[in-house]
Amino acid sequence: MNEPRFAKVIVVAFFAIFCPRLSHAADLTLAWDPSSDGITTGYMLFYGTAPQSYTQQVDVRYATSYTLNNLSDGTTYYFAVRAYDAIGDMSNLSNEVYATTLAGVPPVLTALTLTADLPSPQVVGTTVTWLSTATGGVAPYQFQWALYQAGNWTVWPWTIASTWTWTPSTPGNDYQVRVAVRSSGSSSTSGEMVQTVPFTVTSPPASSLTLSTSGFKVKGLKNANLSWSGASGNDVDVYRNSAKITTTTNDGAYRDNIGTKGSGTYIYKVCGAGTATCSNNSTVVF
């Protein structure tokens, strides 16, 4: 093979090489003029991330353009080509060109839903669990929960918890529950998407549940008898001094073995099991 002529033709051809064009991130397409020396049977494409330092090569055969896929985002690559003939002899390297892939664009959130396990309205004291579901973006997501009532927002810190449990203590028809969501690693203070749902909380209905109590001692230990009527459901919750002490059968009677000696004042109430429908307070004094 006539190496000087082979090399000269290739180099002249590569003076006309097109600068690689940017396509989408991590893809680059190169093109060059075909050789006219009559002996070229293919081309070898060389590339790397430093000038004149090529760590990769591709035999593109007799094609005069080639697209490299799956390159790193936001990275500068350097390219050169050598021609080869039928017996494998190669020309000198062409002139070098370079191009930079586009920076990767993080995926964005595409949808956000906010649902409650109980419908509006609900009675004061009812526990409602809220669930937020996001799609798109970068998981695991971060959530920021907020509650509006009586003209004010209460906002909680960002968290990975996609559920929020709420037990309203006052009635209102202007409640709003809001959740903002952002992708993992995001520093957005307002979130990438926000969803708000209105909610109404009502006062508990007037209760027909009535309670009477009496105290007595056995061997100096305090006990209380409770009697009630008007409770619905199979069970009732019994409270002593605002703390629930038991759930018992709704049969109208319960004996509380307080189990201590001496004096004391105890305030009782009975509520429908798991509800805010309660009796009057009844006090036992020893």
Protein backbone atom coordinates (compact mmCIF):
# COMPACT_ATOMS: atom_id res chain seq x y z
CA MET A 1 0.00 0.00 0.00
CA ASN A 2 1.23 3.51 -0.72
CA GLU A 3 1.11 4.85 2.86
CA PRO A 4 1.98 8.51 2.14
CA ARG A 5 -0.77 8.75 -0.51
CA PHE A 6 -3.20 6.84 1.70
CA ALA A 7 -2.58 9.18 4.62
CA LYS A 8 -2.70 12.34 2.55
CA VAL A 9 -6.05 11.54 1.03
CA ILE A 10 -7.57 10.72 4.40
CA VAL A 11 -6.26 13.84 6.06
CA VAL A 12 -7.51 16.03 3.25
CA ALA A 13 -10.89 14.35 3.49
CA PHE A 14 -11.03 14.93 7.23
CA PHE A 15 -10.35 18.62 6.92
CA ALA A 16 -13.94 18.66 5.76
CA ILE A 17 -15.26 16.65 8.73
CA PHE A 18 -18.52 17.94 10.16
CA CYS A 19 -18.41 19.00 13.78
CA PRO A 20 -20.40 16.39 15.69
CA ARG A 21 -23.96 17.57 16.24
CA LEU A 22 -25.69 17.41 19.58
CA SER A 23 -28.73 15.20 19.60
CA HIS A 24 -30.49 14.26 22.86
CA ALA A 25 -28.43 13.81 25.98
CA ALA A 26 -25.86 11.01 25.88
CA ASP A 27 -26.09 10.55 22.07
CA LEU A 28 -23.67 12.06 19.52
CA THR A 29 -23.59 11.72 15.75
CA LEU A 30 -20.41 12.22 13.68
CA ALA A 31 -20.06 12.48 9.89
CA TRP A 32 -17.07 12.79 7.55
CA ASP A 33 -16.22 13.00 3.84
CA PRO A 34 -15.71 9.68 2.09
CA SER A 35 -12.19 8.83 0.96
CA SER A 36 -11.52 9.02 -2.79
CA ASP A 37 -8.18 7.16 -2.82
CA GLY A 38 -9.69 3.99 -4.26
CA ILE A 39 -8.13 1.73 -1.64
CA THR A 40 -10.13 2.52 1.50
CA THR A 41 -12.48 -0.27 2.57
CA GLY A 42 -13.58 1.04 5.98
CA TYR A 43 -13.08 3.43 8.87
CA MET A 44 -12.18 3.07 12.52
CA LEU A 45 -13.66 5.67 14.88
CA PHE A 46 -11.64 6.51 18.01
CA TYR A 47 -12.90 8.54 20.99
CA GLY A 48 -12.22 9.42 24.62
CA THR A 49 -12.72 12.14 27.20
CA ALA A 50 -9.29 13.78 26.89
CA PRO A 51 -7.64 15.37 23.83
CA GLN A 52 -5.64 12.91 21.72
CA SER A 53 -6.31 10.18 24.27
CA TYR A 54 -8.73 7.62 22.85
CA THR A 55 -9.88 4.83 25.13
CA GLN A 56 -12.64 3.48 22.85
CA GLN A 57 -12.82 2.51 19.20
CA VAL A 58 -15.54 1.37 16.83
CA ASP A 59 -15.20 -0.24 13.41
CA VAL A 60 -17.90 1.54 11.38
CA ARG A 61 -16.96 -0.32 8.17
CA TYR A 62 -17.52 1.86 5.11
CA ALA A 63 -20.12 4.18 6.69
CA THR A 64 -19.30 7.89 6.69
CA SER A 65 -21.45 8.76 9.72
CA TYR A 66 -22.02 7.07 13.02
CA THR A 67 -24.10 7.70 16.16
CA LEU A 68 -22.62 6.87 19.55
CA ASN A 69 -25.27 6.08 22.15
CA ASN A 70 -25.31 5.93 25.96
CA LEU A 71 -22.54 8.44 26.48
CA SER A 72 -22.31 10.24 29.82
CA ASP A 73 -24.44 13.36 30.23
CA GLY A 74 -22.67 16.73 30.26
CA THR A 75 -19.31 15.27 29.16
CA THR A 76 -16.87 16.47 26.47
CA TYR A 77 -15.68 13.76 24.07
CA TYR A 78 -12.83 13.91 21.54
CA PHE A 79 -12.94 12.05 18.20
CA ALA A 80 -10.68 11.06 15.32
CA VAL A 81 -10.94 8.57 12.44
CA ARG A 82 -8.51 6.32 10.61
CA ALA A 83 -9.17 4.64 7.28
CA TYR A 84 -8.13 1.09 6.55
CA ASP A 85 -7.71 -0.95 3.36
CA ALA A 86 -8.48 -4.56 2.43
CA ILE A 87 -5.42 -5.99 4.19
CA GLY A 88 -5.91 -3.97 7.39
CA ASP A 89 -3.35 -1.23 6.89
CA MET A 90 -4.49 2.05 8.48
CA SER A 91 -3.97 5.69 7.65
CA ASN A 92 -2.80 8.29 10.10
CA LEU A 93 -5.40 9.77 12.46
CA SER A 94 -7.60 12.48 11.05
CA ASN A 95 -7.82 15.90 12.62
CA GLU A 96 -9.49 15.79 16.05
CA VAL A 97 -12.94 17.18 16.75
CA TYR A 98 -14.87 17.37 20.01
CA ALA A 99 -18.41 17.83 21.29
CA THR A 100 -20.22 17.90 24.62
CA THR A 101 -23.30 15.87 25.41
CA LEU A 102 -26.29 17.65 26.89
CA ALA A 103 -26.60 17.77 30.65
CA GLY A 104 -29.08 15.26 31.99
CA VAL A 105 -32.49 16.68 32.84
CA PRO A 106 -33.99 15.18 36.01
CA PRO A 107 -37.41 13.62 35.44
CA VAL A 108 -40.29 15.70 36.74
CA LEU A 109 -43.32 14.70 38.76
CA THR A 110 -46.31 13.92 36.56
CA ALA A 111 -49.15 13.26 39.01
CA LEU A 112 -50.13 13.72 42.65
CA THR A 113 -53.20 12.46 44.50
CA LEU A 114 -54.45 13.09 48.03
CA THR A 115 -57.13 10.88 49.58
CA ALA A 116 -58.64 10.28 53.03
CA ASP A 117 -59.72 6.94 54.46
CA LEU A 118 -62.98 8.56 55.66
CA PRO A 119 -65.22 10.93 53.69
CA SER A 120 -66.13 14.46 54.71
CA PRO A 121 -67.85 15.36 57.00
CA GLN A 122 -66.69 13.62 60.17
CA VAL A 123 -67.41 14.21 63.84
CA VAL A 124 -64.94 15.93 66.16
CA GLY A 125 -62.53 13.37 67.63
CA THR A 126 -62.66 11.03 64.62
CA THR A 127 -59.20 10.02 63.40
CA VAL A 128 -58.72 10.47 59.65
CA THR A 129 -55.71 9.04 57.80
CA TRP A 130 -54.58 10.83 54.64
CA LEU A 131 -52.57 9.21 51.83
CA SER A 132 -50.54 11.00 49.17
CA THR A 133 -49.44 9.17 46.01
CA ALA A 134 -46.98 10.65 43.51
CA THR A 135 -45.67 9.45 40.14
CA GLY A 136 -42.77 10.58 37.97
CA GLY A 137 -39.84 12.52 39.36
CA VAL A 138 -37.21 10.81 41.49
CA ALA A 139 -38.22 8.48 44.33
CA PRO A 140 -38.18 8.25 47.29
CA TYR A 141 -40.34 11.35 47.47
CA GLN A 142 -40.51 13.93 50.25
CA PHE A 143 -43.84 15.29 51.51
CA GLN A 144 -44.86 18.41 53.40
CA TRP A 145 -48.24 18.29 55.15
CA ALA A 146 -50.26 21.38 56.05
CA LEU A 147 -53.64 22.10 57.64
CA TYR A 148 -55.82 25.20 57.20
CA GLN A 149 -58.51 26.24 59.67
CA ALA A 150 -59.94 29.56 60.84
CA GLY A 151 -57.72 31.64 58.55
CA ASN A 152 -54.38 30.04 59.40
CA TRP A 153 -52.11 27.37 57.91
CA THR A 154 -50.16 24.99 60.14
CA VAL A 155 -47.25 23.57 58.16
CA TRP A 156 -45.18 20.54 59.21
CA PRO A 157 -41.54 19.87 58.18
CA TRP A 158 -40.66 17.87 55.06
CA THR A 159 -40.83 14.13 55.64
CA ILE A 160 -40.67 10.85 53.72
CA ALA A 161 -44.03 9.83 55.21
CA SER A 162 -46.71 9.62 52.52
CA THR A 163 -49.44 9.29 55.16
CA TRP A 164 -50.66 11.77 57.76
CA THR A 165 -53.00 11.06 60.67
CA TRP A 166 -55.33 13.83 61.84
CA THR A 167 -57.76 13.90 64.77
CA PRO A 168 -59.69 17.21 64.69
CA SER A 169 -60.60 18.60 68.09
CA THR A 170 -62.91 21.45 67.03
CA PRO A 171 -65.73 21.62 64.48
CA GLY A 172 -65.36 23.67 61.31
CA ASN A 173 -66.50 23.79 57.70
CA ASP A 174 -63.38 25.50 56.35
CA TYR A 175 -60.71 22.87 57.00
CA GLN A 176 -58.24 22.19 54.17
CA VAL A 177 -55.60 19.49 54.11
CA ARG A 178 -52.66 20.14 51.79
CA VAL A 179 -49.67 18.10 50.73
CA ALA A 180 -46.67 19.25 48.71
CA VAL A 181 -44.26 16.74 47.18
CA ARG A 182 -40.74 16.98 45.83
CA SER A 183 -38.27 14.51 44.33
CA SER A 184 -35.46 12.90 46.26
CA GLY A 185 -32.55 15.31 46.56
CA SER A 186 -34.67 18.36 45.66
CA SER A 187 -34.21 21.54 47.70
CA SER A 188 -37.49 23.11 46.57
CA THR A 189 -39.24 24.81 49.51
CA SER A 190 -42.66 24.85 47.84
CA GLY A 191 -42.56 21.38 46.25
CA GLU A 192 -42.89 20.31 42.63
CA MET A 193 -46.62 19.60 42.90
CA VAL A 194 -49.29 20.50 45.49
CA GLN A 195 -52.73 19.04 46.20
CA THR A 196 -55.39 20.44 48.57
CA VAL A 197 -58.63 18.83 49.74
CA PRO A 198 -61.38 20.60 51.76
CA PHE A 199 -62.87 18.87 54.78
CA THR A 200 -65.74 19.50 57.20
CA VAL A 201 -65.74 18.57 60.88
CA THR A 202 -69.02 18.55 62.79
CA SER A 203 -69.95 18.61 66.45
CA PRO A 204 -70.91 15.26 67.95
CA PRO A 205 -74.66 14.68 68.10
CA ALA A 206 -76.39 15.20 71.40
CA SER A 207 -75.93 12.02 73.37
CA SER A 208 -78.72 10.12 75.08
CA LEU A 209 -76.08 8.15 76.95
CA THR A 210 -76.37 8.73 80.71
CA LEU A 211 -74.05 7.54 83.45
CA SER A 212 -74.34 7.24 87.23
CA THR A 213 -71.62 6.09 89.61
CA SER A 214 -71.12 5.12 93.24
CA GLY A 215 -68.01 4.36 95.24
CA PHE A 216 -67.28 1.77 97.90
CA LYS A 217 -64.33 0.13 99.59
CA VAL A 218 -63.44 -3.50 100.07
CA LYS A 219 -60.82 -4.08 102.81
CA GLY A 220 -59.85 -0.43 102.42
CA LEU A 221 -59.37 -0.62 98.62
CA LYS A 222 -61.38 1.77 96.50
CA ASN A 223 -63.92 0.55 93.94
CA ALA A 224 -66.51 2.25 91.75
CA ASN A 225 -69.71 0.93 90.24
CA LEU A 226 -70.78 2.42 86.90
CA SER A 227 -74.29 2.16 85.46
CA TRP A 228 -75.30 3.62 82.09
CA SER A 229 -78.07 3.57 79.53
CA GLY A 230 -78.60 4.86 75.99
CA ALA A 231 -75.39 3.55 74.48
CA SER A 232 -75.49 2.02 71.00
CA GLY A 233 -73.21 -0.67 69.65
CA ASN A 234 -71.85 -3.82 71.22
CA ASP A 235 -69.11 -2.21 73.32
CA VAL A 236 -68.35 0.96 75.25
CA ASP A 237 -65.12 2.71 76.26
CA VAL A 238 -64.79 3.56 79.94
CA TYR A 239 -62.79 6.66 80.95
CA ARG A 240 -61.47 7.58 84.37
CA ASN A 241 -60.02 11.09 84.80
CA SER A 242 -59.94 11.54 80.97
CA ALA A 243 -57.91 8.35 80.37
CA LYS A 244 -59.53 5.30 78.81
CA ILE A 245 -59.20 2.40 81.21
CA THR A 246 -61.04 -0.34 79.31
CA THR A 247 -63.41 -1.34 76.53
CA THR A 248 -66.22 -3.49 77.87
CA THR A 249 -69.48 -5.06 76.77
CA ASN A 250 -72.38 -2.65 76.46
CA ASP A 251 -74.46 -4.35 79.15
CA GLY A 252 -75.07 -1.23 81.24
CA ALA A 253 -72.76 -1.96 84.16
CA TYR A 254 -69.06 -2.04 85.01
CA ARG A 255 -67.08 -2.32 88.27
CA ASP A 256 -63.80 -0.41 88.38
CA ASN A 257 -61.36 -1.88 90.89
CA ILE A 258 -59.28 1.23 91.54
CA GLY A 259 -57.14 -0.79 93.93
CA THR A 260 -55.70 1.98 96.12
CA LYS A 261 -56.47 3.14 99.66
CA GLY A 262 -57.17 6.55 101.11
CA SER A 263 -59.06 9.48 99.69
CA GLY A 264 -59.43 10.53 96.07
CA THR A 265 -61.69 12.01 93.43
CA TYR A 266 -62.47 10.13 90.21
CA ILE A 267 -64.38 11.46 87.21
CA TYR A 268 -65.91 8.85 84.91
CA LYS A 269 -67.56 8.86 81.50
CA VAL A 270 -68.67 6.17 79.08
CA CYS A 271 -68.49 6.50 75.26
CA GLY A 272 -69.58 4.37 72.36
CA ALA A 273 -66.54 2.24 71.50
CA GLY A 274 -64.24 4.15 69.13
CA THR A 275 -66.56 7.18 68.96
CA ALA A 276 -66.88 10.64 70.46
CA THR A 277 -70.47 9.96 71.56
CA CYS A 278 -70.15 10.04 75.34
CA SER A 279 -72.13 10.24 78.51
CA ASN A 280 -72.14 12.95 81.11
CA ASN A 281 -69.25 13.06 83.56
CA SER A 282 -69.99 11.36 86.87
CA THR A 283 -67.77 11.92 89.92
CA VAL A 284 -66.90 9.51 92.74
CA VAL A 285 -65.33 10.98 95.89
CA PHE A 286 -63.71 8.94 98.64
